Amino acid sequence: MTHFLLVYRRSTGDLIECKDLGPDRADALECRTRHERLNKDDLDIEVVVLIATDRQALMRTHSRYFKNVGQLATDLGALAESSGNRHSG
């Protein structure tokens, strides 16, 4: 399994960085800590380390990090619409 560092701007949905950190958990957590310190004064920045078999799997399981605010809103609207169609019948 591979550790991925993601640096994400919440307000815009922009993925600032997505870095493959390899399999070493300690190195990945150290990298996350460094990035958290660099961004400690910006509450709009989210720093996470996630584990996946590869980047494609990561994009499937954590798709919100790979979509901007407009894309997330569109997805939410489609979900609400499909949910409404199930309850209207």
N, C-alpha and C. Protein backbone atom coordinates (compact mmCIF):
# COMPACT_ATOMS: atom_id res chain seq x y z
N MET A 1 0.84 -1.18 0.00
CA MET A 1 0.00 0.00 0.00
C MET A 1 0.89 1.24 0.00
N THR A 2 0.38 2.27 -0.63
CA THR A 2 1.12 3.51 -0.77
C THR A 2 0.45 4.61 0.04
N HIS A 3 1.26 5.43 0.68
CA HIS A 3 0.77 6.60 1.40
C HIS A 3 0.80 7.79 0.45
N PHE A 4 -0.26 8.58 0.48
CA PHE A 4 -0.34 9.78 -0.33
C PHE A 4 -0.57 10.98 0.56
N LEU A 5 0.21 12.03 0.33
CA LEU A 5 0.01 13.30 1.01
C LEU A 5 -0.89 14.16 0.15
N LEU A 6 -1.96 14.67 0.73
CA LEU A 6 -2.84 15.59 0.02
C LEU A 6 -2.90 16.89 0.79
N VAL A 7 -2.73 17.99 0.07
CA VAL A 7 -2.88 19.32 0.64
C VAL A 7 -4.02 19.95 -0.14
N TYR A 8 -5.07 20.32 0.57
CA TYR A 8 -6.36 20.67 -0.03
C TYR A 8 -6.85 22.00 0.51
N ARG A 9 -7.30 22.89 -0.39
CA ARG A 9 -7.91 24.15 0.03
C ARG A 9 -9.42 23.95 0.08
N ARG A 10 -9.96 24.00 1.29
CA ARG A 10 -11.38 23.69 1.50
C ARG A 10 -12.32 24.64 0.78
N SER A 11 -12.05 25.94 0.81
CA SER A 11 -13.00 26.93 0.28
C SER A 11 -13.20 26.83 -1.22
N THR A 12 -12.18 26.40 -1.93
CA THR A 12 -12.28 26.33 -3.39
C THR A 12 -12.32 24.90 -3.91
N GLY A 13 -11.98 23.94 -3.06
CA GLY A 13 -11.91 22.56 -3.50
C GLY A 13 -10.69 22.27 -4.35
N ASP A 14 -9.66 23.11 -4.21
CA ASP A 14 -8.45 22.92 -5.00
C ASP A 14 -7.48 21.97 -4.29
N LEU A 15 -7.04 20.96 -5.01
CA LEU A 15 -6.01 20.06 -4.52
C LEU A 15 -4.67 20.72 -4.85
N ILE A 16 -4.01 21.22 -3.83
CA ILE A 16 -2.77 21.96 -4.01
C ILE A 16 -1.61 21.01 -4.29
N GLU A 17 -1.65 19.87 -3.61
CA GLU A 17 -0.57 18.89 -3.79
C GLU A 17 -1.10 17.49 -3.55
N CYS A 18 -0.66 16.57 -4.37
CA CYS A 18 -0.92 15.15 -4.17
C CYS A 18 0.39 14.44 -4.47
N LYS A 19 1.00 13.92 -3.41
CA LYS A 19 2.34 13.37 -3.53
C LYS A 19 2.36 11.91 -3.06
N ASP A 20 2.90 11.05 -3.88
CA ASP A 20 3.11 9.65 -3.54
C ASP A 20 4.29 9.56 -2.58
N LEU A 21 4.03 9.09 -1.36
CA LEU A 21 5.08 9.03 -0.35
C LEU A 21 5.65 7.63 -0.16
N GLY A 22 5.11 6.66 -0.89
CA GLY A 22 5.61 5.30 -0.77
C GLY A 22 5.01 4.55 0.40
N PRO A 23 5.57 3.40 0.74
CA PRO A 23 4.95 2.51 1.72
C PRO A 23 5.30 2.80 3.18
N ASP A 24 6.29 3.64 3.46
CA ASP A 24 6.75 3.83 4.84
C ASP A 24 5.84 4.77 5.62
N ARG A 25 5.15 4.22 6.61
CA ARG A 25 4.17 4.98 7.40
C ARG A 25 4.84 6.12 8.18
N ALA A 26 5.97 5.85 8.81
CA ALA A 26 6.65 6.85 9.63
C ALA A 26 7.08 8.04 8.77
N ASP A 27 7.64 7.78 7.59
CA ASP A 27 8.04 8.86 6.69
C ASP A 27 6.82 9.67 6.25
N ALA A 28 5.72 8.98 5.97
CA ALA A 28 4.50 9.66 5.52
C ALA A 28 3.96 10.58 6.61
N LEU A 29 3.95 10.11 7.85
CA LEU A 29 3.44 10.93 8.94
C LEU A 29 4.36 12.10 9.24
N GLU A 30 5.65 11.90 9.08
CA GLU A 30 6.61 13.00 9.24
C GLU A 30 6.39 14.08 8.17
N CYS A 31 6.15 13.65 6.95
CA CYS A 31 5.87 14.59 5.86
C CYS A 31 4.58 15.36 6.14
N ARG A 32 3.56 14.67 6.60
CA ARG A 32 2.30 15.34 6.94
C ARG A 32 2.51 16.38 8.03
N THR A 33 3.27 16.04 9.05
CA THR A 33 3.55 16.97 10.14
C THR A 33 4.27 18.22 9.64
N ARG A 34 5.23 18.04 8.75
CA ARG A 34 5.94 19.19 8.16
C ARG A 34 4.97 20.11 7.43
N HIS A 35 4.09 19.51 6.62
CA HIS A 35 3.13 20.32 5.85
C HIS A 35 2.10 20.99 6.77
N GLU A 36 1.71 20.31 7.83
CA GLU A 36 0.79 20.93 8.78
C GLU A 36 1.43 22.14 9.44
N ARG A 37 2.70 22.03 9.78
CA ARG A 37 3.42 23.17 10.38
C ARG A 37 3.53 24.33 9.40
N LEU A 38 3.81 24.01 8.15
CA LEU A 38 3.92 25.06 7.13
C LEU A 38 2.60 25.81 6.94
N ASN A 39 1.49 25.12 7.13
CA ASN A 39 0.17 25.70 6.88
C ASN A 39 -0.63 25.97 8.15
N LYS A 40 0.02 25.98 9.29
CA LYS A 40 -0.69 26.07 10.57
C LYS A 40 -1.52 27.33 10.73
N ASP A 41 -1.17 28.39 10.06
CA ASP A 41 -1.91 29.65 10.19
C ASP A 41 -3.03 29.79 9.17
N ASP A 42 -3.16 28.85 8.27
CA ASP A 42 -4.20 28.91 7.24
C ASP A 42 -5.24 27.82 7.52
N LEU A 43 -6.33 28.20 8.18
CA LEU A 43 -7.36 27.23 8.55
C LEU A 43 -8.12 26.68 7.35
N ASP A 44 -7.91 27.27 6.19
CA ASP A 44 -8.57 26.81 4.97
C ASP A 44 -7.83 25.64 4.32
N ILE A 45 -6.65 25.33 4.82
CA ILE A 45 -5.83 24.26 4.27
C ILE A 45 -6.00 23.00 5.10
N GLU A 46 -6.26 21.90 4.41
CA GLU A 46 -6.38 20.58 5.04
C GLU A 46 -5.21 19.74 4.54
N VAL A 47 -4.50 19.12 5.46
CA VAL A 47 -3.38 18.25 5.12
C VAL A 47 -3.71 16.85 5.63
N VAL A 48 -3.69 15.89 4.73
CA VAL A 48 -4.00 14.51 5.12
C VAL A 48 -3.03 13.55 4.45
N VAL A 49 -2.87 12.40 5.08
CA VAL A 49 -2.17 11.28 4.47
C VAL A 49 -3.19 10.15 4.37
N LEU A 50 -3.35 9.65 3.18
CA LEU A 50 -4.28 8.55 2.92
C LEU A 50 -3.52 7.37 2.32
N ILE A 51 -4.06 6.19 2.48
CA ILE A 51 -3.41 4.97 1.99
C ILE A 51 -4.29 4.35 0.91
N ALA A 52 -3.66 3.98 -0.20
CA ALA A 52 -4.37 3.32 -1.29
C ALA A 52 -3.37 2.46 -2.07
N THR A 53 -3.93 1.59 -2.89
CA THR A 53 -3.05 0.75 -3.70
C THR A 53 -2.36 1.57 -4.79
N ASP A 54 -3.05 2.59 -5.31
CA ASP A 54 -2.48 3.48 -6.31
C ASP A 54 -3.32 4.75 -6.37
N ARG A 55 -2.89 5.71 -7.19
CA ARG A 55 -3.58 7.00 -7.27
C ARG A 55 -5.01 6.83 -7.80
N GLN A 56 -5.22 5.93 -8.74
CA GLN A 56 -6.57 5.72 -9.28
C GLN A 56 -7.52 5.25 -8.18
N ALA A 57 -7.06 4.34 -7.35
CA ALA A 57 -7.88 3.86 -6.23
C ALA A 57 -8.17 5.00 -5.27
N LEU A 58 -7.18 5.82 -5.00
CA LEU A 58 -7.36 6.98 -4.13
C LEU A 58 -8.41 7.93 -4.69
N MET A 59 -8.38 8.14 -5.99
CA MET A 59 -9.35 9.03 -6.63
C MET A 59 -10.77 8.46 -6.55
N ARG A 60 -10.89 7.15 -6.55
CA ARG A 60 -12.22 6.53 -6.41
C ARG A 60 -12.73 6.62 -4.98
N THR A 61 -11.87 6.34 -4.03
CA THR A 61 -12.31 6.26 -2.63
C THR A 61 -12.40 7.63 -1.96
N HIS A 62 -11.68 8.60 -2.44
CA HIS A 62 -11.66 9.94 -1.83
C HIS A 62 -11.82 11.02 -2.91
N SER A 63 -12.85 10.85 -3.72
CA SER A 63 -13.03 11.70 -4.90
C SER A 63 -13.19 13.18 -4.56
N ARG A 64 -13.68 13.52 -3.38
CA ARG A 64 -13.91 14.93 -3.06
C ARG A 64 -12.62 15.75 -3.13
N TYR A 65 -11.49 15.12 -2.87
CA TYR A 65 -10.22 15.84 -2.94
C TYR A 65 -9.80 16.15 -4.38
N PHE A 66 -10.42 15.49 -5.33
CA PHE A 66 -10.02 15.64 -6.72
C PHE A 66 -11.05 16.42 -7.54
N LYS A 67 -12.03 17.04 -6.86
CA LYS A 67 -13.07 17.82 -7.53
C LYS A 67 -13.10 19.22 -6.93
N ASN A 68 -13.36 20.22 -7.77
CA ASN A 68 -13.47 21.56 -7.25
C ASN A 68 -14.88 21.79 -6.69
N VAL A 69 -15.11 22.95 -6.11
CA VAL A 69 -16.39 23.24 -5.46
C VAL A 69 -17.55 23.11 -6.45
N GLY A 70 -17.39 23.57 -7.67
CA GLY A 70 -18.45 23.47 -8.68
C GLY A 70 -18.81 22.03 -8.99
N GLN A 71 -17.82 21.19 -9.13
CA GLN A 71 -18.07 19.77 -9.41
C GLN A 71 -18.75 19.09 -8.23
N LEU A 72 -18.34 19.44 -7.01
CA LEU A 72 -18.99 18.86 -5.83
C LEU A 72 -20.44 19.30 -5.73
N ALA A 73 -20.72 20.58 -6.05
CA ALA A 73 -22.09 21.09 -6.01
C ALA A 73 -22.95 20.38 -7.05
N THR A 74 -22.41 20.16 -8.23
CA THR A 74 -23.13 19.44 -9.27
C THR A 74 -23.46 18.02 -8.82
N ASP A 75 -22.48 17.35 -8.24
CA ASP A 75 -22.70 15.99 -7.73
C ASP A 75 -23.76 15.98 -6.64
N LEU A 76 -23.73 16.96 -5.76
CA LEU A 76 -24.70 17.04 -4.68
C LEU A 76 -26.11 17.29 -5.23
N GLY A 77 -26.20 18.17 -6.23
CA GLY A 77 -27.49 18.44 -6.86
C GLY A 77 -28.06 17.20 -7.53
N ALA A 78 -27.23 16.46 -8.22
CA ALA A 78 -27.67 15.23 -8.87
C ALA A 78 -28.11 14.20 -7.84
N LEU A 79 -27.39 14.12 -6.75
CA LEU A 79 -27.76 13.18 -5.69
C LEU A 79 -29.11 13.57 -5.07
N ALA A 80 -29.29 14.85 -4.82
CA ALA A 80 -30.56 15.32 -4.24
C ALA A 80 -31.72 15.06 -5.20
N GLU A 81 -31.47 15.29 -6.49
CA GLU A 81 -32.51 15.06 -7.50
C GLU A 81 -32.88 13.57 -7.56
N SER A 82 -31.90 12.71 -7.57
CA SER A 82 -32.20 11.27 -7.62
C SER A 82 -32.89 10.80 -6.34
N SER A 83 -32.53 11.37 -5.23
CA SER A 83 -33.18 11.03 -3.97
C SER A 83 -34.63 11.50 -3.97
N GLY A 84 -34.89 12.69 -4.51
CA GLY A 84 -36.24 13.20 -4.62
C GLY A 84 -37.11 12.37 -5.53
N ASN A 85 -36.53 11.86 -6.61
CA ASN A 85 -37.29 11.02 -7.54
C ASN A 85 -37.71 9.70 -6.90
N ARG A 86 -36.89 9.18 -6.00
CA ARG A 86 -37.24 7.92 -5.32
C ARG A 86 -38.36 8.13 -4.33
N HIS A 87 -38.45 9.32 -3.74
CA HIS A 87 -39.46 9.56 -2.71
C HIS A 87 -40.75 10.15 -3.26
N SER A 88 -40.77 10.52 -4.54
CA SER A 88 -41.97 11.17 -5.09
C SER A 88 -42.97 10.17 -5.67
N GLY A 89 -42.60 8.94 -5.78
CA GLY A 89 -43.43 7.96 -6.45
C GLY A 89 -44.32 7.24 -5.56
